[in-house]
Each structure stands twice: as structure tokens, then as C-alpha cells.
C-alpha atoms as a PDB file:
ATOM      1  CA  MET A   1    -134.355 -19.836 -99.343  1.00  0.00           C
ATOM      2  CA  ALA A   2    -137.464 -21.970 -99.121  1.00  0.00           C
ATOM      3  CA  ARG A   3    -139.385 -22.299 -95.909  1.00  0.00           C
ATOM      4  CA  PRO A   4    -139.141 -23.945 -93.369  1.00  0.00           C
ATOM      5  CA  TYR A   5    -135.361 -23.965 -93.803  1.00  0.00           C
ATOM      6  CA  PRO A   6    -134.850 -20.583 -92.006  1.00  0.00           C
ATOM      7  CA  GLU A   7    -136.776 -21.883 -88.987  1.00  0.00           C
ATOM      8  CA  LEU A   8    -134.529 -24.934 -88.916  1.00  0.00           C
ATOM      9  CA  LEU A   9    -131.487 -22.686 -88.858  1.00  0.00           C
ATOM     10  CA  ALA A  10    -132.954 -20.784 -85.883  1.00  0.00           C
ATOM     11  CA  VAL A  11    -133.769 -24.027 -84.061  1.00  0.00           C
ATOM     12  CA  LEU A  12    -130.270 -25.392 -84.692  1.00  0.00           C
ATOM     13  CA  GLY A  13    -128.803 -22.119 -83.354  1.00  0.00           C
ATOM     14  CA  ALA A  14    -130.964 -22.425 -80.243  1.00  0.00           C
ATOM     15  CA  VAL A  15    -129.877 -26.026 -79.648  1.00  0.00           C
ATOM     16  CA  LEU A  16    -126.229 -25.123 -80.101  1.00  0.00           C
ATOM     17  CA  PHE A  17    -126.458 -22.271 -77.611  1.00  0.00           C
ATOM     18  CA  GLY A  18    -128.541 -24.366 -75.205  1.00  0.00           C
ATOM     19  CA  ALA A  19    -125.841 -27.029 -75.230  1.00  0.00           C
ATOM     20  CA  SER A  20    -123.216 -24.550 -74.011  1.00  0.00           C
ATOM     21  CA  ALA A  21    -124.129 -24.751 -70.293  1.00  0.00           C
ATOM     22  CA  PRO A  22    -124.203 -28.581 -69.862  1.00  0.00           C
ATOM     23  CA  LEU A  23    -121.152 -29.132 -72.068  1.00  0.00           C
ATOM     24  CA  SER A  24    -119.263 -26.380 -70.229  1.00  0.00           C
ATOM     25  CA  LYS A  25    -120.078 -28.155 -66.967  1.00  0.00           C
ATOM     26  CA  VAL A  26    -118.538 -31.332 -68.406  1.00  0.00           C
ATOM     27  CA  LEU A  27    -115.334 -29.423 -69.283  1.00  0.00           C
ATOM     28  CA  LEU A  28    -115.188 -27.833 -65.804  1.00  0.00           C
ATOM     29  CA  GLY A  29    -114.022 -31.192 -64.549  1.00  0.00           C
ATOM     30  CA  GLU A  30    -110.817 -30.633 -66.538  1.00  0.00           C
ATOM     31  CA  VAL A  31    -110.453 -26.842 -66.773  1.00  0.00           C
ATOM     32  CA  ASP A  32    -110.302 -23.967 -64.302  1.00  0.00           C
ATOM     33  CA  PRO A  33    -113.496 -21.838 -64.606  1.00  0.00           C
ATOM     34  CA  VAL A  34    -111.716 -18.592 -65.432  1.00  0.00           C
ATOM     35  CA  LEU A  35    -109.543 -20.351 -67.969  1.00  0.00           C
ATOM     36  CA  LEU A  36    -112.559 -22.078 -69.508  1.00  0.00           C
ATOM     37  CA  ALA A  37    -114.341 -18.760 -69.894  1.00  0.00           C
ATOM     38  CA  GLY A  38    -111.323 -17.429 -71.767  1.00  0.00           C
ATOM     39  CA  LEU A  39    -111.093 -20.434 -74.086  1.00  0.00           C
ATOM     40  CA  LEU A  40    -114.819 -20.308 -74.870  1.00  0.00           C
ATOM     41  CA  TYR A  41    -114.692 -16.660 -75.849  1.00  0.00           C
ATOM     42  CA  LEU A  42    -111.529 -17.066 -77.851  1.00  0.00           C
ATOM     43  CA  GLY A  43    -113.193 -19.846 -79.766  1.00  0.00           C
ATOM     44  CA  CYS A  44    -116.250 -17.673 -80.285  1.00  0.00           C
ATOM     45  CA  GLY A  45    -114.210 -14.741 -81.576  1.00  0.00           C
ATOM     46  CA  MET A  46    -112.253 -16.938 -83.946  1.00  0.00           C
ATOM     47  CA  GLY A  47    -115.411 -18.634 -85.216  1.00  0.00           C
ATOM     48  CA  LEU A  48    -117.072 -15.301 -85.932  1.00  0.00           C
ATOM     49  CA  LEU A  49    -113.915 -14.060 -87.642  1.00  0.00           C
ATOM     50  CA  VAL A  50    -114.096 -17.016 -90.037  1.00  0.00           C
ATOM     51  CA  PHE A  51    -117.807 -16.392 -90.640  1.00  0.00           C
ATOM     52  CA  LYS A  52    -117.195 -12.679 -91.369  1.00  0.00           C
ATOM     53  CA  PHE A  53    -114.461 -13.640 -93.821  1.00  0.00           C
ATOM     54  CA  LEU A  54    -116.809 -16.014 -95.630  1.00  0.00           C
ATOM     55  CA  LEU A  55    -119.469 -13.314 -95.854  1.00  0.00           C
ATOM     56  CA  HIS A  56    -116.897 -10.901 -97.255  1.00  0.00           C
ATOM     57  CA  VAL A  57    -115.814 -13.447 -99.885  1.00  0.00           C
ATOM     58  CA  SER A  58    -119.434 -14.042-100.854  1.00  0.00           C
ATOM     59  CA  GLY A  59    -119.926 -10.333-101.376  1.00  0.00           C
ATOM     60  CA  ALA A  60    -122.508  -9.884 -98.608  1.00  0.00           C
ATOM     61  CA  PRO A  61    -122.773  -6.300 -97.349  1.00  0.00           C
ATOM     62  CA  GLY A  62    -121.272  -5.487 -93.955  1.00  0.00           C
ATOM     63  CA  GLY A  63    -122.422  -3.160 -91.239  1.00  0.00           C
ATOM     64  CA  LEU A  64    -121.114   0.212 -90.207  1.00  0.00           C
ATOM     65  CA  PRO A  65    -117.496   0.083 -88.935  1.00  0.00           C
ATOM     66  CA  LEU A  66    -116.669   0.832 -85.335  1.00  0.00           C
ATOM     67  CA  GLY A  67    -115.297   4.294 -84.554  1.00  0.00           C
ATOM     68  CA  ARG A  68    -113.328   5.990 -81.813  1.00  0.00           C
ATOM     69  CA  ASN A  69    -116.458   7.171 -80.036  1.00  0.00           C
ATOM     70  CA  ASP A  70    -117.619   3.569 -79.745  1.00  0.00           C
ATOM     71  CA  VAL A  71    -114.611   2.467 -77.649  1.00  0.00           C
ATOM     72  CA  PRO A  72    -115.947   3.403 -74.185  1.00  0.00           C
ATOM     73  CA  TRP A  73    -119.219   1.568 -74.731  1.00  0.00           C
ATOM     74  CA  LEU A  74    -117.489  -1.423 -76.258  1.00  0.00           C
ATOM     75  CA  ALA A  75    -114.915  -1.554 -73.432  1.00  0.00           C
ATOM     76  CA  GLY A  76    -117.655  -1.555 -70.803  1.00  0.00           C
ATOM     77  CA  ALA A  77    -119.527  -4.321 -72.665  1.00  0.00           C
ATOM     78  CA  VAL A  78    -116.358  -6.420 -72.958  1.00  0.00           C
ATOM     79  CA  LEU A  79    -115.604  -6.112 -69.227  1.00  0.00           C
ATOM     80  CA  ALA A  80    -119.175  -6.762 -68.090  1.00  0.00           C
ATOM     81  CA  GLY A  81    -120.410  -9.294 -70.615  1.00  0.00           C
ATOM     82  CA  GLY A  82    -117.172 -10.715 -72.023  1.00  0.00           C
ATOM     83  CA  VAL A  83    -115.038 -11.084 -68.932  1.00  0.00           C
ATOM     84  CA  ALA A  84    -117.029 -10.882 -65.667  1.00  0.00           C
ATOM     85  CA  ALA A  85    -120.281 -12.560 -66.784  1.00  0.00           C
ATOM     86  CA  PRO A  86    -118.799 -15.766 -68.278  1.00  0.00           C
ATOM     87  CA  ILE A  87    -116.471 -16.203 -65.307  1.00  0.00           C
ATOM     88  CA  ALA A  88    -119.487 -15.900 -62.955  1.00  0.00           C
ATOM     89  CA  LEU A  89    -121.367 -18.392 -65.086  1.00  0.00           C
ATOM     90  CA  MET A  90    -118.531 -20.937 -65.033  1.00  0.00           C
ATOM     91  CA  ILE A  91    -118.234 -20.597 -61.229  1.00  0.00           C
ATOM     92  CA  GLY A  92    -121.997 -21.029 -60.954  1.00  0.00           C
ATOM     93  CA  LEU A  93    -121.918 -24.139 -63.118  1.00  0.00           C
ATOM     94  CA  GLN A  94    -119.387 -25.643 -60.750  1.00  0.00           C
ATOM     95  CA  ASN A  95    -121.880 -25.335 -57.937  1.00  0.00           C
ATOM     96  CA  ALA A  96    -125.284 -25.841 -59.587  1.00  0.00           C
ATOM     97  CA  PRO A  97    -126.913 -28.506 -61.759  1.00  0.00           C
ATOM     98  CA  ALA A  98    -126.602 -27.871 -65.483  1.00  0.00           C
ATOM     99  CA  ALA A  99    -130.379 -27.992 -66.012  1.00  0.00           C
ATOM    100  CA  THR A 100    -130.899 -25.341 -63.318  1.00  0.00           C
ATOM    101  CA  ALA A 101    -128.205 -23.158 -64.878  1.00  0.00           C
ATOM    102  CA  SER A 102    -129.795 -23.490 -68.322  1.00  0.00           C
ATOM    103  CA  LEU A 103    -133.223 -22.547 -67.025  1.00  0.00           C
ATOM    104  CA  LEU A 104    -131.821 -19.581 -65.094  1.00  0.00           C
ATOM    105  CA  LEU A 105    -130.365 -18.050 -68.248  1.00  0.00           C
ATOM    106  CA  ASN A 106    -133.889 -16.719 -68.855  1.00  0.00           C
ATOM    107  CA  PHE A 107    -133.125 -14.209 -66.087  1.00  0.00           C
ATOM    108  CA  GLU A 108    -130.951 -12.303 -68.536  1.00  0.00           C
ATOM    109  CA  CYS A 109    -134.174 -11.073 -70.140  1.00  0.00           C
ATOM    110  CA  VAL A 110    -135.221  -9.674 -66.752  1.00  0.00           C
ATOM    111  CA  ALA A 111    -131.927  -7.965 -66.111  1.00  0.00           C
ATOM    112  CA  THR A 112    -131.851  -6.436 -69.614  1.00  0.00           C
ATOM    113  CA  THR A 113    -135.429  -5.198 -69.344  1.00  0.00           C
ATOM    114  CA  VAL A 114    -135.093  -3.695 -65.833  1.00  0.00           C
ATOM    115  CA  LEU A 115    -131.833  -1.961 -66.621  1.00  0.00           C
ATOM    116  CA  ALA A 116    -133.255  -0.634 -69.895  1.00  0.00           C
ATOM    117  CA  ALA A 117    -136.282   0.778 -68.062  1.00  0.00           C
ATOM    118  CA  PHE A 118    -134.297   2.468 -65.284  1.00  0.00           C
ATOM    119  CA  LEU A 119    -131.099   3.474 -67.096  1.00  0.00           C
ATOM    120  CA  PHE A 120    -132.509   4.386 -70.492  1.00  0.00           C
ATOM    121  CA  GLN A 121    -136.211   5.047 -69.750  1.00  0.00           C
ATOM    122  CA  GLU A 122    -137.342   2.516 -72.308  1.00  0.00           C
ATOM    123  CA  TYR A 123    -141.081   1.815 -72.463  1.00  0.00           C
ATOM    124  CA  ILE A 124    -141.977  -1.461 -70.807  1.00  0.00           C
ATOM    125  CA  GLY A 125    -145.608  -2.638 -71.071  1.00  0.00           C
ATOM    126  CA  ARG A 126    -147.615  -4.429 -68.433  1.00  0.00           C
ATOM    127  CA  ARG A 127    -147.225  -7.777 -70.183  1.00  0.00           C
ATOM    128  CA  ILE A 128    -143.439  -7.471 -70.054  1.00  0.00           C
ATOM    129  CA  TRP A 129    -143.509  -6.558 -66.383  1.00  0.00           C
ATOM    130  CA  LEU A 130    -145.660  -9.628 -65.697  1.00  0.00           C
ATOM    131  CA  ALA A 131    -143.135 -11.793 -67.575  1.00  0.00           C
ATOM    132  CA  VAL A 132    -140.346 -10.196 -65.554  1.00  0.00           C
ATOM    133  CA  GLY A 133    -142.207 -11.030 -62.350  1.00  0.00           C
ATOM    134  CA  LEU A 134    -142.777 -14.649 -63.321  1.00  0.00           C
ATOM    135  CA  ILE A 135    -139.161 -15.240 -64.353  1.00  0.00           C
ATOM    136  CA  THR A 136    -137.890 -13.515 -61.221  1.00  0.00           C
ATOM    137  CA  ALA A 137    -140.179 -15.658 -59.045  1.00  0.00           C
ATOM    138  CA  ALA A 138    -138.904 -18.781 -60.799  1.00  0.00           C
ATOM    139  CA  SER A 139    -135.300 -17.689 -60.253  1.00  0.00           C
ATOM    140  CA  ALA A 140    -136.028 -17.119 -56.560  1.00  0.00           C
ATOM    141  CA  VAL A 141    -137.444 -20.622 -56.281  1.00  0.00           C
ATOM    142  CA  LEU A 142    -134.331 -22.074 -57.942  1.00  0.00           C
ATOM    143  CA  SER A 143    -132.143 -20.110 -55.527  1.00  0.00           C
ATOM    144  CA  PHE A 144    -133.185 -22.488 -52.733  1.00  0.00           C
ATOM    145  CA  GLY A 145    -131.445 -25.605 -53.857  1.00  0.00           C
ATOM    146  CA  ASN A 146    -132.850 -29.079 -53.168  1.00  0.00           C
ATOM    147  CA  GLY A 147    -135.638 -27.662 -51.033  1.00  0.00           C
ATOM    148  CA  GLN A 148    -133.218 -26.620 -48.309  1.00  0.00           C
ATOM    149  CA  PHE A 149    -133.414 -23.227 -46.643  1.00  0.00           C
ATOM    150  CA  GLY A 150    -130.616 -20.902 -47.722  1.00  0.00           C
ATOM    151  CA  LEU A 151    -129.524 -19.415 -50.973  1.00  0.00           C
ATOM    152  CA  SER A 152    -127.510 -21.521 -53.362  1.00  0.00           C
ATOM    153  CA  PHE A 153    -124.104 -19.980 -54.176  1.00  0.00           C
ATOM    154  CA  GLY A 154    -124.094 -21.528 -57.644  1.00  0.00           C
ATOM    155  CA  VAL A 155    -127.500 -20.080 -58.504  1.00  0.00           C
ATOM    156  CA  LEU A 156    -126.556 -16.652 -57.226  1.00  0.00           C
ATOM    157  CA  ALA A 157    -123.437 -16.708 -59.381  1.00  0.00           C
ATOM    158  CA  ILE A 158    -125.494 -17.531 -62.474  1.00  0.00           C
ATOM    159  CA  ILE A 159    -127.965 -14.753 -61.650  1.00  0.00           C
ATOM    160  CA  LEU A 160    -124.997 -12.379 -61.328  1.00  0.00           C
ATOM    161  CA  ALA A 161    -123.823 -13.468 -64.757  1.00  0.00           C
ATOM    162  CA  CYS A 162    -127.271 -12.688 -66.161  1.00  0.00           C
ATOM    163  CA  VAL A 163    -127.261  -9.236 -64.552  1.00  0.00           C
ATOM    164  CA  LEU A 164    -123.826  -8.534 -66.021  1.00  0.00           C
ATOM    165  CA  TRP A 165    -125.022  -9.652 -69.461  1.00  0.00           C
ATOM    166  CA  GLY A 166    -128.037  -7.382 -69.024  1.00  0.00           C
ATOM    167  CA  LEU A 167    -125.618  -4.503 -68.370  1.00  0.00           C
ATOM    168  CA  ASP A 168    -123.608  -5.604 -71.415  1.00  0.00           C
ATOM    169  CA  ASN A 169    -126.794  -5.495 -73.559  1.00  0.00           C
ATOM    170  CA  ASN A 170    -127.627  -1.995 -72.442  1.00  0.00           C
ATOM    171  CA  LEU A 171    -124.114  -0.738 -73.021  1.00  0.00           C
ATOM    172  CA  THR A 172    -124.014  -2.331 -76.428  1.00  0.00           C
ATOM    173  CA  ARG A 173    -127.289  -0.609 -77.379  1.00  0.00           C
ATOM    174  CA  ASN A 174    -125.270   2.616 -77.772  1.00  0.00           C
ATOM    175  CA  ILE A 175    -123.294   1.056 -80.637  1.00  0.00           C
ATOM    176  CA  SER A 176    -126.092  -1.142 -81.941  1.00  0.00           C
ATOM    177  CA  SER A 177    -126.063   0.549 -85.348  1.00  0.00           C
ATOM    178  CA  LYS A 178    -122.537  -0.743 -85.980  1.00  0.00           C
ATOM    179  CA  ASP A 179    -121.552  -4.072 -87.526  1.00  0.00           C
ATOM    180  CA  ALA A 180    -122.722  -6.780 -85.110  1.00  0.00           C
ATOM    181  CA  LEU A 181    -120.110  -9.288 -86.257  1.00  0.00           C
ATOM    182  CA  SER A 182    -117.273  -6.879 -85.711  1.00  0.00           C
ATOM    183  CA  ILE A 183    -118.536  -6.150 -82.218  1.00  0.00           C
ATOM    184  CA  GLY A 184    -118.739  -9.835 -81.521  1.00  0.00           C
ATOM    185  CA  ILE A 185    -115.253 -10.536 -82.852  1.00  0.00           C
ATOM    186  CA  VAL A 186    -113.726  -7.821 -80.682  1.00  0.00           C
ATOM    187  CA  LYS A 187    -115.605  -8.995 -77.613  1.00  0.00           C
ATOM    188  CA  GLY A 188    -114.675 -12.610 -78.175  1.00  0.00           C
ATOM    189  CA  LEU A 189    -111.000 -12.135 -78.894  1.00  0.00           C
ATOM    190  CA  VAL A 190    -110.326  -9.338 -76.340  1.00  0.00           C
ATOM    191  CA  ALA A 191    -112.381 -10.863 -73.521  1.00  0.00           C
ATOM    192  CA  GLY A 192    -111.095 -14.355 -74.211  1.00  0.00           C
ATOM    193  CA  THR A 193    -107.451 -13.226 -74.173  1.00  0.00           C
ATOM    194  CA  PHE A 194    -107.967 -11.165 -70.962  1.00  0.00           C
ATOM    195  CA  SER A 195    -109.640 -14.091 -69.123  1.00  0.00           C
ATOM    196  CA  LEU A 196    -106.981 -16.522 -70.306  1.00  0.00           C
ATOM    197  CA  LEU A 197    -104.151 -14.326 -69.077  1.00  0.00           C
ATOM    198  CA  LEU A 198    -106.013 -13.635 -65.802  1.00  0.00           C
ATOM    199  CA  ALA A 199    -106.360 -17.370 -65.172  1.00  0.00           C
ATOM    200  CA  LEU A 200    -102.677 -17.961 -65.767  1.00  0.00           C
ATOM    201  CA  VAL A 201    -101.733 -15.102 -63.417  1.00  0.00           C
ATOM    202  CA  LEU A 202    -104.005 -16.614 -60.758  1.00  0.00           C
ATOM    203  CA  GLY A 203    -102.093 -19.875 -61.058  1.00  0.00           C
ATOM    204  CA  ALA A 204    -104.365 -21.936 -63.310  1.00  0.00           C
ATOM    205  CA  ARG A 205    -102.726 -24.611 -65.392  1.00  0.00           C
ATOM    206  CA  LEU A 206    -103.316 -25.034 -69.058  1.00  0.00           C
ATOM    207  CA  PRO A 207    -105.288 -28.184 -69.776  1.00  0.00           C
ATOM    208  CA  ALA A 208    -104.190 -30.884 -72.180  1.00  0.00           C
ATOM    209  CA  LEU A 209    -104.243 -29.750 -75.785  1.00  0.00           C
ATOM    210  CA  PRO A 210    -107.257 -31.853 -76.752  1.00  0.00           C
ATOM    211  CA  VAL A 211    -109.275 -30.398 -73.851  1.00  0.00           C
ATOM    212  CA  ALA A 212    -108.285 -26.828 -74.733  1.00  0.00           C
ATOM    213  CA  LEU A 213    -109.229 -27.412 -78.351  1.00  0.00           C
ATOM    214  CA  ALA A 214    -112.528 -28.950 -77.272  1.00  0.00           C
ATOM    215  CA  ALA A 215    -113.313 -25.835 -75.198  1.00  0.00           C
ATOM    216  CA  MET A 216    -112.539 -23.498 -78.087  1.00  0.00           C
ATOM    217  CA  LEU A 217    -114.571 -25.674 -80.462  1.00  0.00           C
ATOM    218  CA  LEU A 218    -117.477 -25.458 -78.025  1.00  0.00           C
ATOM    219  CA  GLY A 219    -117.166 -21.685 -77.986  1.00  0.00           C
ATOM    220  CA  SER A 220    -117.034 -21.455 -81.748  1.00  0.00           C
ATOM    221  CA  LEU A 221    -120.111 -23.687 -82.195  1.00  0.00           C
ATOM    222  CA  SER A 222    -122.339 -22.854 -79.214  1.00  0.00           C
ATOM    223  CA  TYR A 223    -121.548 -19.153 -79.314  1.00  0.00           C
ATOM    224  CA  GLY A 224    -120.117 -18.229 -82.710  1.00  0.00           C
ATOM    225  CA  LEU A 225    -122.016 -20.511 -85.046  1.00  0.00           C
ATOM    226  CA  SER A 226    -125.269 -19.906 -83.214  1.00  0.00           C
ATOM    227  CA  ILE A 227    -124.911 -16.187 -83.954  1.00  0.00           C
ATOM    228  CA  ALA A 228    -124.208 -16.960 -87.592  1.00  0.00           C
ATOM    229  CA  LEU A 229    -127.324 -19.124 -87.815  1.00  0.00           C
ATOM    230  CA  PHE A 230    -129.346 -16.379 -86.171  1.00  0.00           C
ATOM    231  CA  ILE A 231    -128.195 -13.816 -88.738  1.00  0.00           C
ATOM    232  CA  LEU A 232    -128.912 -16.177 -91.673  1.00  0.00           C
ATOM    233  CA  ALA A 233    -132.361 -17.058 -90.368  1.00  0.00           C
ATOM    234  CA  MET A 234    -133.203 -13.431 -89.624  1.00  0.00           C
ATOM    235  CA  ARG A 235    -132.593 -12.446 -93.229  1.00  0.00           C
ATOM    236  CA  HIS A 236    -135.453 -14.713 -94.350  1.00  0.00           C
ATOM    237  CA  ILE A 237    -138.043 -14.690 -91.559  1.00  0.00           C
ATOM    238  CA  GLY A 238    -137.262 -11.440 -89.727  1.00  0.00           C
ATOM    239  CA  ALA A 239    -136.010 -10.610 -86.296  1.00  0.00           C
ATOM    240  CA  ALA A 240    -139.244 -11.286 -84.379  1.00  0.00           C
ATOM    241  CA  ARG A 241    -139.762 -14.831 -85.603  1.00  0.00           C
ATOM    242  CA  THR A 242    -136.091 -15.726 -85.356  1.00  0.00           C
ATOM    243  CA  SER A 243    -136.029 -14.333 -81.823  1.00  0.00           C
ATOM    244  CA  ALA A 244    -138.971 -16.478 -80.781  1.00  0.00           C
ATOM    245  CA  TRP A 245    -137.261 -19.634 -82.038  1.00  0.00           C
ATOM    246  CA  MET A 246    -133.874 -18.727 -80.569  1.00  0.00           C
ATOM    247  CA  GLY A 247    -135.494 -17.815 -77.247  1.00  0.00           C
ATOM    248  CA  THR A 248    -136.103 -21.526 -76.684  1.00  0.00           C
ATOM    249  CA  ALA A 249    -132.382 -22.070 -76.143  1.00  0.00           C
ATOM    250  CA  PRO A 250    -132.503 -22.233 -72.286  1.00  0.00           C
ATOM    251  CA  PHE A 251    -135.166 -24.903 -72.511  1.00  0.00           C
ATOM    252  CA  ALA A 252    -133.129 -26.833 -75.056  1.00  0.00           C
ATOM    253  CA  GLY A 253    -130.256 -26.631 -72.577  1.00  0.00           C
ATOM    254  CA  VAL A 254    -132.489 -28.175 -69.873  1.00  0.00           C
ATOM    255  CA  ILE A 255    -133.312 -31.168 -72.078  1.00  0.00           C
ATOM    256  CA  ILE A 256    -129.664 -31.622 -73.071  1.00  0.00           C
ATOM    257  CA  SER A 257    -128.605 -31.409 -69.422  1.00  0.00           C
ATOM    258  CA  PHE A 258    -131.003 -34.221 -68.410  1.00  0.00           C
ATOM    259  CA  ILE A 259    -129.731 -36.341 -71.282  1.00  0.00           C
ATOM    260  CA  ILE A 260    -126.029 -35.802 -70.511  1.00  0.00           C
ATOM    261  CA  PHE A 261    -126.185 -36.120 -66.717  1.00  0.00           C
ATOM    262  CA  ARG A 262    -129.189 -38.480 -66.536  1.00  0.00           C
ATOM    263  CA  SER A 263    -130.467 -36.442 -63.634  1.00  0.00           C
ATOM    264  CA  VAL A 264    -133.979 -36.279 -62.184  1.00  0.00           C
ATOM    265  CA  PRO A 265    -135.511 -32.797 -61.703  1.00  0.00           C
ATOM    266  CA  GLY A 266    -136.038 -31.827 -58.085  1.00  0.00           C
ATOM    267  CA  VAL A 267    -139.064 -30.195 -56.478  1.00  0.00           C
ATOM    268  CA  THR A 268    -137.739 -26.629 -56.840  1.00  0.00           C
ATOM    269  CA  PHE A 269    -136.989 -27.233 -60.530  1.00  0.00           C
ATOM    270  CA  LEU A 270    -140.533 -28.559 -61.177  1.00  0.00           C
ATOM    271  CA  ILE A 271    -142.053 -25.534 -59.444  1.00  0.00           C
ATOM    272  CA  ALA A 272    -139.851 -23.046 -61.285  1.00  0.00           C
ATOM    273  CA  LEU A 273    -140.255 -24.581 -64.764  1.00  0.00           C
ATOM    274  CA  PRO A 274    -143.890 -23.555 -65.504  1.00  0.00           C
ATOM    275  CA  LEU A 275    -143.189 -20.036 -64.198  1.00  0.00           C
ATOM    276  CA  MET A 276    -140.239 -19.750 -66.574  1.00  0.00           C
ATOM    277  CA  VAL A 277    -142.242 -21.102 -69.501  1.00  0.00           C
ATOM    278  CA  PHE A 278    -145.171 -18.732 -68.945  1.00  0.00           C
ATOM    279  CA  GLY A 279    -142.797 -15.827 -68.476  1.00  0.00           C
ATOM    280  CA  ALA A 280    -140.944 -16.680 -71.711  1.00  0.00           C
ATOM    281  CA  LEU A 281    -144.205 -17.024 -73.642  1.00  0.00           C
ATOM    282  CA  LEU A 282    -145.274 -13.578 -72.461  1.00  0.00           C
ATOM    283  CA  LEU A 283    -141.977 -12.103 -73.620  1.00  0.00           C
ATOM    284  CA  PHE A 284    -142.170 -13.722 -77.034  1.00  0.00           C
ATOM    285  CA  GLY A 285    -145.780 -12.717 -77.579  1.00  0.00           C
ATOM    286  CA  GLU A 286    -145.566  -9.176 -76.247  1.00  0.00           C
ATOM    287  CA  GLU A 287    -148.098  -6.988 -78.055  1.00  0.00           C
ATOM    288  CA  HIS A 288    -145.717  -4.127 -78.634  1.00  0.00           C
ATOM    289  CA  ALA A 289    -143.416  -6.352 -80.664  1.00  0.00           C
ATOM    290  CA  HIS A 290    -140.600  -6.357 -78.166  1.00  0.00           C
ATOM    291  CA  THR A 291    -138.358  -9.135 -79.322  1.00  0.00           C
ATOM    292  CA  HIS A 292    -135.400 -10.519 -77.415  1.00  0.00           C
ATOM    293  CA  ILE A 293    -132.910 -12.857 -78.977  1.00  0.00           C
ATOM    294  CA  HIS A 294    -129.715 -14.045 -77.384  1.00  0.00           C
ATOM    295  CA  VAL A 295    -127.038 -16.128 -78.887  1.00  0.00           C
ATOM    296  CA  HIS A 296    -124.465 -16.375 -76.186  1.00  0.00           C
ATOM    297  CA  GLY A 297    -120.823 -15.767 -76.246  1.00  0.00           C
ATOM    298  CA  THR A 298    -120.759 -12.925 -78.648  1.00  0.00           C
ATOM    299  CA  ILE A 299    -124.404 -12.549 -78.457  1.00  0.00           C
ATOM    300  CA  THR A 300    -126.559 -10.790 -80.933  1.00  0.00           C
ATOM    301  CA  HIS A 301    -129.635  -9.255 -79.397  1.00  0.00           C
ATOM    302  CA  GLU A 302    -132.329  -7.822 -81.584  1.00  0.00           C
ATOM    303  CA  HIS A 303    -135.010  -5.659 -80.027  1.00  0.00           C
ATOM    304  CA  VAL A 304    -137.885  -4.066 -81.890  1.00  0.00           C
ATOM    305  CA  HIS A 305    -140.194  -1.653 -80.046  1.00  0.00           C
ATOM    306  CA  ALA A 306    -143.356   0.023 -81.243  1.00  0.00           C
ATOM    307  CA  HIS A 307    -144.943   2.628 -79.018  1.00  0.00           C
ATOM    308  CA  ASP A 308    -146.974   5.747 -79.607  1.00  0.00           C
ATOM    309  CA  GLY A 309    -147.183   4.875 -83.274  1.00  0.00           C
ATOM    310  CA  HIS A 310    -143.407   4.997 -83.821  1.00  0.00           C
ATOM    311  CA  GLU A 311    -141.268   1.933 -84.285  1.00  0.00           C
ATOM    312  CA  HIS A 312    -137.548   1.596 -83.795  1.00  0.00           C
ATOM    313  CA  GLY A 313    -135.113  -1.260 -83.503  1.00  0.00           C
ATOM    314  CA  HIS A 314    -131.649  -1.852 -82.090  1.00  0.00           C
ATOM    315  CA  GLU A 315    -129.334  -4.800 -82.240  1.00  0.00           C
ATOM    316  CA  HIS A 316    -127.029  -5.932 -79.467  1.00  0.00           C
ATOM    317  CA  SER A 317    -124.026  -8.089 -79.974  1.00  0.00           C
ATOM    318  CA  ARG A 318    -122.366  -9.738 -77.036  1.00  0.00           C
END
């Protein structure tokens, strides 16, 4: 595939994922947050299932199949990242501006890094810790909505979602050698079905069919297709470059949010934005080739580490 086509695939994937937060906020006017989380993940799982079928038909090689020993790790990842995290995000979106929510999604990098360092003793260089500090500071600024004293409930819910996704990433690392698409399909379909049933038990009403289909379509495009584009781009330009392009997704979400809602950024947003940008640049340019890519919904994370002369990689699929 000729360049720069792979980069365009990665950019399109980033834009699709970035659009998920503002477009989900639009749908929250019609759909219960727990129910919407379920529909999004069902759409994602179905979209990835179609993509996997197309790859199979084309003769593309698949990854290692999941085994019985993978079930505990996958179950934990489904509960943390497939059920709890998206519900927290939808609740947060109800109570926070879409642009703020999009920018805050960078905090997932912080949560993943800190948990990896403390739970799995992964090497974290000084540059990464500086990036973590900048993104954390920006998130703290955004927690004080509209310049008023007091933490914003919506922002805290979004930060909780990022922490849960960070836990999901670190659980998934234990099965990262297995087929990423299969992991994504299981997460999408199982988590989506669970959240949908939970919403109905809690008394949520099913939306009109066009709204439900729109939510599932959003999940299949912003989550499922974005993963597919990531995988296709990665085959041609590698994980590191694809990760750098896809890492722009939260900032794409900010731009899309301002376009959709025609909102004007507040003081806290303007203070937090450069901190987020510098933190993200440090992550993408980390000297030890630590690359972080997220394509939400059933997210594929690709990390590559090189320390003490030895290099290893692991792929996460949410």
C-alpha cells in the first residue's frame, strides 16, 4: 500500500474514535446512559465480528485463539473496561461538556502507566513520569468546572472511567499474545449484552428503533471500525507511528465537540489544553519507544518497550 495512505487510515481511525464522546452526548438526550453503553458495545462487537469475517475470507492470518486459562483475565477486563468504564463515561458525559470529556480521555494513559508501574513493575522513564504529571495536572484543572470551587461530578466520573480502562489494559496484557480481534469481539458482545440487560432491570426504556440503531452504528464505527483501521495502518507503518497518529483522537474529539455544540472553551479548558498537549507529546516521543494507542470500545493498545538492551511488545484489546 503506497504511502501516505496508511497514515490516512490512522487519522481516520482517530477522528472516528474522537467523535464517539460528542456524538454519545447527543444520544444521551434520548437514551439512558447504561443502556447507551450497552448499545455502543454491542455495535462495536458486531462491527468487529464482521471485520474478522472479512479478514478470514481474504485469507489473512489470525492470532492465537483464546484458551481456558485466559478466562479470568478476560472476565476482569470485560467487567472493568467493558461494563463499568463505559457506564461511568456515559454518566460523566451527562454532566460535563463534550470537549472536556474528550480532553480528559488522555487520563487513560496516566491510569494505565501508573497501574503498570505499581502492579506489574514495568519500567517507566522520567519522561513518561513528567507526561503523567502534566496530564494529571490538566485533569485536576478540568475537575474544577467553570472556575467554581468544588469538584465536578461529571469530570470525576470520566476520570473513573479512565482508571477502569487503565485496569482493563493491565488485565488484558496477560492475554496480549492472543488474537486481538477475538478479545474485542468477546468484550463488545458480552459487555454490551450485560449493560443492556442491566439497564432494563433498572427500569430503563428502550429507545425508538432508529435511535437504538444509531447508537449501535456509532459503536461499530467509532469503536469497531477505528480498531480495524488501526490494524490495517499498523501493518504498513508499524505500531509506533500508528500509535502516534491514533493518539490524537482526544484532540480530534475536542474539535468535533466545538463544531457540534458551538460552545466556547472556558478558562479551565484553556489552562488545561496546553498541559494535555505537552503531556501527550512527551508520551508519543518517549525515548524508550513506549507507544500507547487506544481505539475505544474494544480498544487495541499496542505497547513497545525497550530497556536494558532488550525489547518486548504487548498488545491490549479493549
